[in-house]
Amino acid sequence: VVAQGIERLRSPDRSLLIITHHTPLLDDVRPDRVHVLLGGRIVACGGIEPAQQVEADGYGAHQVEVPA
């Protein structure tokens, strides 16, 4: 239902920012760009691939030092 609502709002005149921890939503929303955040920093950008990598492998490939 959420994905369908987002897709209905899609248009060249509109920007949407979706923040989710539920990556299967991205299968239905088909985002133009994905940014993966870890420790308050963007650690990966691209199409759907960075989200798929995190879903499959976890955040281990994107280790970031987080200040104490």
PDB file of N, CA and C in Angstrom:
ATOM      1  N   VAL A   1       0.832  -1.187   0.000  1.00  0.00           N
ATOM      2  CA  VAL A   1       0.000   0.000   0.000  1.00  0.00           C
ATOM      3  C   VAL A   1       0.879   1.255   0.000  1.00  0.00           C
ATOM      4  N   VAL A   2       1.919   1.257   0.830  1.00  0.00           N
ATOM      5  CA  VAL A   2       2.818   2.411   0.901  1.00  0.00           C
ATOM      6  C   VAL A   2       3.513   2.614  -0.444  1.00  0.00           C
ATOM      7  N   ALA A   3       4.038   1.541  -1.011  1.00  0.00           N
ATOM      8  CA  ALA A   3       4.745   1.638  -2.289  1.00  0.00           C
ATOM      9  C   ALA A   3       3.818   2.154  -3.387  1.00  0.00           C
ATOM     10  N   GLN A   4       2.579   1.695  -3.401  1.00  0.00           N
ATOM     11  CA  GLN A   4       1.630   2.154  -4.413  1.00  0.00           C
ATOM     12  C   GLN A   4       1.359   3.650  -4.273  1.00  0.00           C
ATOM     13  N   GLY A   5       1.227   4.121  -3.042  1.00  0.00           N
ATOM     14  CA  GLY A   5       1.019   5.552  -2.809  1.00  0.00           C
ATOM     15  C   GLY A   5       2.203   6.384  -3.266  1.00  0.00           C
ATOM     16  N   ILE A   6       3.401   5.897  -2.982  1.00  0.00           N
ATOM     17  CA  ILE A   6       4.616   6.600  -3.402  1.00  0.00           C
ATOM     18  C   ILE A   6       4.696   6.645  -4.918  1.00  0.00           C
ATOM     19  N   GLU A   7       4.430   5.527  -5.560  1.00  0.00           N
ATOM     20  CA  GLU A   7       4.494   5.471  -7.023  1.00  0.00           C
ATOM     21  C   GLU A   7       3.466   6.404  -7.657  1.00  0.00           C
ATOM     22  N   ARG A   8       2.288   6.555  -7.048  1.00  0.00           N
ATOM     23  CA  ARG A   8       1.278   7.486  -7.580  1.00  0.00           C
ATOM     24  C   ARG A   8       1.752   8.932  -7.486  1.00  0.00           C
ATOM     25  N   LEU A   9       2.577   9.241  -6.489  1.00  0.00           N
ATOM     26  CA  LEU A   9       3.071  10.611  -6.325  1.00  0.00           C
ATOM     27  C   LEU A   9       4.238  10.933  -7.252  1.00  0.00           C
ATOM     28  N   ARG A  10       4.847   9.931  -7.851  1.00  0.00           N
ATOM     29  CA  ARG A  10       5.998  10.131  -8.724  1.00  0.00           C
ATOM     30  C   ARG A  10       5.659  11.039  -9.897  1.00  0.00           C
ATOM     31  N   SER A  11       6.519  12.023 -10.160  1.00  0.00           N
ATOM     32  CA  SER A  11       6.372  12.858 -11.349  1.00  0.00           C
ATOM     33  C   SER A  11       7.689  13.600 -11.569  1.00  0.00           C
ATOM     34  N   PRO A  12       7.930  14.052 -12.788  1.00  0.00           N
ATOM     35  CA  PRO A  12       9.152  14.809 -13.066  1.00  0.00           C
ATOM     36  C   PRO A  12       9.220  16.141 -12.298  1.00  0.00           C
ATOM     37  N   ASP A  13       8.061  16.633 -11.833  1.00  0.00           N
ATOM     38  CA  ASP A  13       8.009  17.920 -11.127  1.00  0.00           C
ATOM     39  C   ASP A  13       8.201  17.778  -9.627  1.00  0.00           C
ATOM     40  N   ARG A  14       8.392  16.562  -9.122  1.00  0.00           N
ATOM     41  CA  ARG A  14       8.360  16.341  -7.680  1.00  0.00           C
ATOM     42  C   ARG A  14       9.557  15.503  -7.243  1.00  0.00           C
ATOM     43  N   SER A  15      10.112  15.884  -6.120  1.00  0.00           N
ATOM     44  CA  SER A  15      11.166  15.081  -5.483  1.00  0.00           C
ATOM     45  C   SER A  15      10.594  14.442  -4.234  1.00  0.00           C
ATOM     46  N   LEU A  16      10.992  13.211  -3.993  1.00  0.00           N
ATOM     47  CA  LEU A  16      10.550  12.497  -2.794  1.00  0.00           C
ATOM     48  C   LEU A  16      11.769  11.950  -2.082  1.00  0.00           C
ATOM     49  N   LEU A  17      11.770  12.049  -0.789  1.00  0.00           N
ATOM     50  CA  LEU A  17      12.817  11.470   0.049  1.00  0.00           C
ATOM     51  C   LEU A  17      12.160  10.395   0.899  1.00  0.00           C
ATOM     52  N   ILE A  18      12.635   9.175   0.756  1.00  0.00           N
ATOM     53  CA  ILE A  18      12.088   8.055   1.520  1.00  0.00           C
ATOM     54  C   ILE A  18      13.202   7.528   2.409  1.00  0.00           C
ATOM     55  N   ILE A  19      12.941   7.453   3.680  1.00  0.00           N
ATOM     56  CA  ILE A  19      13.898   6.895   4.631  1.00  0.00           C
ATOM     57  C   ILE A  19      13.280   5.612   5.162  1.00  0.00           C
ATOM     58  N   THR A  20      13.995   4.499   4.978  1.00  0.00           N
ATOM     59  CA  THR A  20      13.445   3.216   5.408  1.00  0.00           C
ATOM     60  C   THR A  20      14.545   2.282   5.874  1.00  0.00           C
ATOM     61  N   HIS A  21      14.201   1.410   6.788  1.00  0.00           N
ATOM     62  CA  HIS A  21      15.060   0.306   7.184  1.00  0.00           C
ATOM     63  C   HIS A  21      14.504  -0.984   6.604  1.00  0.00           C
ATOM     64  N   HIS A  22      13.451  -0.875   5.839  1.00  0.00           N
ATOM     65  CA  HIS A  22      12.758  -2.037   5.266  1.00  0.00           C
ATOM     66  C   HIS A  22      13.075  -2.083   3.766  1.00  0.00           C
ATOM     67  N   THR A  23      14.227  -2.665   3.425  1.00  0.00           N
ATOM     68  CA  THR A  23      14.675  -2.643   2.028  1.00  0.00           C
ATOM     69  C   THR A  23      13.748  -3.357   1.047  1.00  0.00           C
ATOM     70  N   PRO A  24      12.941  -4.358   1.440  1.00  0.00           N
ATOM     71  CA  PRO A  24      12.006  -4.920   0.456  1.00  0.00           C
ATOM     72  C   PRO A  24      11.040  -3.876  -0.121  1.00  0.00           C
ATOM     73  N   LEU A  25      10.784  -2.797   0.600  1.00  0.00           N
ATOM     74  CA  LEU A  25       9.955  -1.717   0.065  1.00  0.00           C
ATOM     75  C   LEU A  25      10.552  -1.176  -1.235  1.00  0.00           C
ATOM     76  N   LEU A  26      11.873  -1.189  -1.333  1.00  0.00           N
ATOM     77  CA  LEU A  26      12.542  -0.634  -2.508  1.00  0.00           C
ATOM     78  C   LEU A  26      12.326  -1.485  -3.753  1.00  0.00           C
ATOM     79  N   ASP A  27      11.911  -2.735  -3.598  1.00  0.00           N
ATOM     80  CA  ASP A  27      11.577  -3.557  -4.760  1.00  0.00           C
ATOM     81  C   ASP A  27      10.331  -3.024  -5.460  1.00  0.00           C
ATOM     82  N   ASP A  28       9.416  -2.446  -4.691  1.00  0.00           N
ATOM     83  CA  ASP A  28       8.172  -1.929  -5.259  1.00  0.00           C
ATOM     84  C   ASP A  28       8.228  -0.452  -5.581  1.00  0.00           C
ATOM     85  N   VAL A  29       9.078   0.296  -4.889  1.00  0.00           N
ATOM     86  CA  VAL A  29       9.153   1.744  -5.108  1.00  0.00           C
ATOM     87  C   VAL A  29      10.062   2.087  -6.284  1.00  0.00           C
ATOM     88  N   ARG A  30      11.069   1.265  -6.565  1.00  0.00           N
ATOM     89  CA  ARG A  30      12.024   1.506  -7.648  1.00  0.00           C
ATOM     90  C   ARG A  30      12.658   2.896  -7.550  1.00  0.00           C
ATOM     91  N   PRO A  31      13.509   3.120  -6.556  1.00  0.00           N
ATOM     92  CA  PRO A  31      14.122   4.437  -6.372  1.00  0.00           C
ATOM     93  C   PRO A  31      15.093   4.779  -7.496  1.00  0.00           C
ATOM     94  N   ASP A  32      15.253   6.068  -7.746  1.00  0.00           N
ATOM     95  CA  ASP A  32      16.238   6.533  -8.721  1.00  0.00           C
ATOM     96  C   ASP A  32      17.640   6.459  -8.123  1.00  0.00           C
ATOM     97  N   ARG A  33      17.769   6.831  -6.848  1.00  0.00           N
ATOM     98  CA  ARG A  33      19.055   6.829  -6.153  1.00  0.00           C
ATOM     99  C   ARG A  33      18.857   6.271  -4.758  1.00  0.00           C
ATOM    100  N   VAL A  34      19.891   5.577  -4.274  1.00  0.00           N
ATOM    101  CA  VAL A  34      19.899   5.048  -2.914  1.00  0.00           C
ATOM    102  C   VAL A  34      21.176   5.526  -2.229  1.00  0.00           C
ATOM    103  N   HIS A  35      21.046   5.982  -1.003  1.00  0.00           N
ATOM    104  CA  HIS A  35      22.193   6.359  -0.183  1.00  0.00           C
ATOM    105  C   HIS A  35      22.120   5.538   1.099  1.00  0.00           C
ATOM    106  N   VAL A  36      23.214   4.873   1.437  1.00  0.00           N
ATOM    107  CA  VAL A  36      23.282   4.069   2.653  1.00  0.00           C
ATOM    108  C   VAL A  36      24.010   4.882   3.714  1.00  0.00           C
ATOM    109  N   LEU A  37      23.377   5.055   4.863  1.00  0.00           N
ATOM    110  CA  LEU A  37      23.989   5.786   5.963  1.00  0.00           C
ATOM    111  C   LEU A  37      24.423   4.820   7.049  1.00  0.00           C
ATOM    112  N   LEU A  38      25.585   5.085   7.632  1.00  0.00           N
ATOM    113  CA  LEU A  38      26.105   4.295   8.733  1.00  0.00           C
ATOM    114  C   LEU A  38      26.909   5.223   9.616  1.00  0.00           C
ATOM    115  N   GLY A  39      26.597   5.250  10.874  1.00  0.00           N
ATOM    116  CA  GLY A  39      27.308   6.124  11.793  1.00  0.00           C
ATOM    117  C   GLY A  39      27.146   7.596  11.455  1.00  0.00           C
ATOM    118  N   GLY A  40      26.000   7.942  10.877  1.00  0.00           N
ATOM    119  CA  GLY A  40      25.733   9.340  10.537  1.00  0.00           C
ATOM    120  C   GLY A  40      26.415   9.817   9.266  1.00  0.00           C
ATOM    121  N   ARG A  41      27.011   8.888   8.516  1.00  0.00           N
ATOM    122  CA  ARG A  41      27.710   9.248   7.273  1.00  0.00           C
ATOM    123  C   ARG A  41      27.160   8.440   6.112  1.00  0.00           C
ATOM    124  N   ILE A  42      27.170   9.045   4.928  1.00  0.00           N
ATOM    125  CA  ILE A  42      26.819   8.306   3.719  1.00  0.00           C
ATOM    126  C   ILE A  42      28.009   7.435   3.368  1.00  0.00           C
ATOM    127  N   VAL A  43      27.792   6.116   3.299  1.00  0.00           N
ATOM    128  CA  VAL A  43      28.885   5.182   3.031  1.00  0.00           C
ATOM    129  C   VAL A  43      28.765   4.516   1.663  1.00  0.00           C
ATOM    130  N   ALA A  44      27.622   4.658   1.004  1.00  0.00           N
ATOM    131  CA  ALA A  44      27.457   4.086  -0.328  1.00  0.00           C
ATOM    132  C   ALA A  44      26.326   4.815  -1.040  1.00  0.00           C
ATOM    133  N   CYS A  45      26.484   4.963  -2.346  1.00  0.00           N
ATOM    134  CA  CYS A  45      25.467   5.604  -3.182  1.00  0.00           C
ATOM    135  C   CYS A  45      25.355   4.821  -4.482  1.00  0.00           C
ATOM    136  N   GLY A  46      24.207   4.884  -5.086  1.00  0.00           N
ATOM    137  CA  GLY A  46      24.035   4.241  -6.377  1.00  0.00           C
ATOM    138  C   GLY A  46      22.570   4.034  -6.675  1.00  0.00           C
ATOM    139  N   GLY A  47      22.319   3.063  -7.534  1.00  0.00           N
ATOM    140  CA  GLY A  47      20.943   2.662  -7.810  1.00  0.00           C
ATOM    141  C   GLY A  47      20.466   1.822  -6.637  1.00  0.00           C
ATOM    142  N   ILE A  48      19.779   0.768  -6.923  1.00  0.00           N
ATOM    143  CA  ILE A  48      19.253  -0.106  -5.870  1.00  0.00           C
ATOM    144  C   ILE A  48      20.347  -1.001  -5.274  1.00  0.00           C
ATOM    145  N   GLU A  49      21.484  -1.116  -5.954  1.00  0.00           N
ATOM    146  CA  GLU A  49      22.530  -2.063  -5.571  1.00  0.00           C
ATOM    147  C   GLU A  49      23.052  -1.892  -4.143  1.00  0.00           C
ATOM    148  N   PRO A  50      23.346  -0.679  -3.673  1.00  0.00           N
ATOM    149  CA  PRO A  50      23.834  -0.565  -2.284  1.00  0.00           C
ATOM    150  C   PRO A  50      22.843  -1.105  -1.253  1.00  0.00           C
ATOM    151  N   ALA A  51      21.573  -0.879  -1.458  1.00  0.00           N
ATOM    152  CA  ALA A  51      20.567  -1.398  -0.530  1.00  0.00           C
ATOM    153  C   ALA A  51      20.511  -2.919  -0.601  1.00  0.00           C
ATOM    154  N   GLN A  52      20.616  -3.466  -1.800  1.00  0.00           N
ATOM    155  CA  GLN A  52      20.617  -4.918  -1.946  1.00  0.00           C
ATOM    156  C   GLN A  52      21.837  -5.542  -1.279  1.00  0.00           C
ATOM    157  N   GLN A  53      22.984  -4.865  -1.387  1.00  0.00           N
ATOM    158  CA  GLN A  53      24.201  -5.386  -0.755  1.00  0.00           C
ATOM    159  C   GLN A  53      24.051  -5.414   0.765  1.00  0.00           C
ATOM    160  N   VAL A  54      23.521  -4.350   1.337  1.00  0.00           N
ATOM    161  CA  VAL A  54      23.319  -4.312   2.786  1.00  0.00           C
ATOM    162  C   VAL A  54      22.312  -5.377   3.205  1.00  0.00           C
ATOM    163  N   GLU A  55      21.265  -5.561   2.426  1.00  0.00           N
ATOM    164  CA  GLU A  55      20.267  -6.583   2.742  1.00  0.00           C
ATOM    165  C   GLU A  55      20.897  -7.982   2.733  1.00  0.00           C
ATOM    166  N   ALA A  56      21.772  -8.227   1.765  1.00  0.00           N
ATOM    167  CA  ALA A  56      22.376  -9.557   1.623  1.00  0.00           C
ATOM    168  C   ALA A  56      23.518  -9.792   2.606  1.00  0.00           C
ATOM    169  N   ASP A  57      24.384  -8.769   2.795  1.00  0.00           N
ATOM    170  CA  ASP A  57      25.635  -8.956   3.540  1.00  0.00           C
ATOM    171  C   ASP A  57      25.703  -8.204   4.854  1.00  0.00           C
ATOM    172  N   GLY A  58      24.718  -7.368   5.151  1.00  0.00           N
ATOM    173  CA  GLY A  58      24.790  -6.515   6.339  1.00  0.00           C
ATOM    174  C   GLY A  58      25.679  -5.312   6.067  1.00  0.00           C
ATOM    175  N   TYR A  59      25.974  -4.575   7.118  1.00  0.00           N
ATOM    176  CA  TYR A  59      26.763  -3.353   6.979  1.00  0.00           C
ATOM    177  C   TYR A  59      28.265  -3.610   7.044  1.00  0.00           C
ATOM    178  N   GLY A  60      28.689  -4.866   7.189  1.00  0.00           N
ATOM    179  CA  GLY A  60      30.102  -5.193   7.341  1.00  0.00           C
ATOM    180  C   GLY A  60      31.001  -4.655   6.248  1.00  0.00           C
ATOM    181  N   ALA A  61      30.502  -4.577   5.025  1.00  0.00           N
ATOM    182  CA  ALA A  61      31.314  -4.062   3.904  1.00  0.00           C
ATOM    183  C   ALA A  61      31.487  -2.544   3.979  1.00  0.00           C
ATOM    184  N   HIS A  62      30.761  -1.890   4.874  1.00  0.00           N
ATOM    185  CA  HIS A  62      30.773  -0.429   4.961  1.00  0.00           C
ATOM    186  C   HIS A  62      31.237   0.037   6.338  1.00  0.00           C
ATOM    187  N   GLN A  63      32.309  -0.510   6.830  1.00  0.00           N
ATOM    188  CA  GLN A  63      32.773  -0.146   8.166  1.00  0.00           C
ATOM    189  C   GLN A  63      33.189   1.326   8.200  1.00  0.00           C
ATOM    190  N   VAL A  64      32.732   2.018   9.216  1.00  0.00           N
ATOM    191  CA  VAL A  64      33.032   3.428   9.409  1.00  0.00           C
ATOM    192  C   VAL A  64      33.408   3.629  10.865  1.00  0.00           C
ATOM    193  N   GLU A  65      34.445   4.388  11.103  1.00  0.00           N
ATOM    194  CA  GLU A  65      34.806   4.727  12.505  1.00  0.00           C
ATOM    195  C   GLU A  65      33.815   5.760  13.008  1.00  0.00           C
ATOM    196  N   VAL A  66      33.184   5.429  14.098  1.00  0.00           N
ATOM    197  CA  VAL A  66      32.235   6.343  14.716  1.00  0.00           C
ATOM    198  C   VAL A  66      32.924   6.980  15.914  1.00  0.00           C
ATOM    199  N   PRO A  67      32.998   8.333  15.945  1.00  0.00           N
ATOM    200  CA  PRO A  67      33.649   8.990  17.083  1.00  0.00           C
ATOM    201  C   PRO A  67      32.953   8.658  18.398  1.00  0.00           C
ATOM    202  N   ALA A  68      33.734   8.550  19.449  1.00  0.00           N
ATOM    203  CA  ALA A  68      33.177   8.228  20.772  1.00  0.00           C
ATOM    204  C   ALA A  68      32.465   9.419  21.360  1.00  0.00           C
TER     205      ALA A  68
END
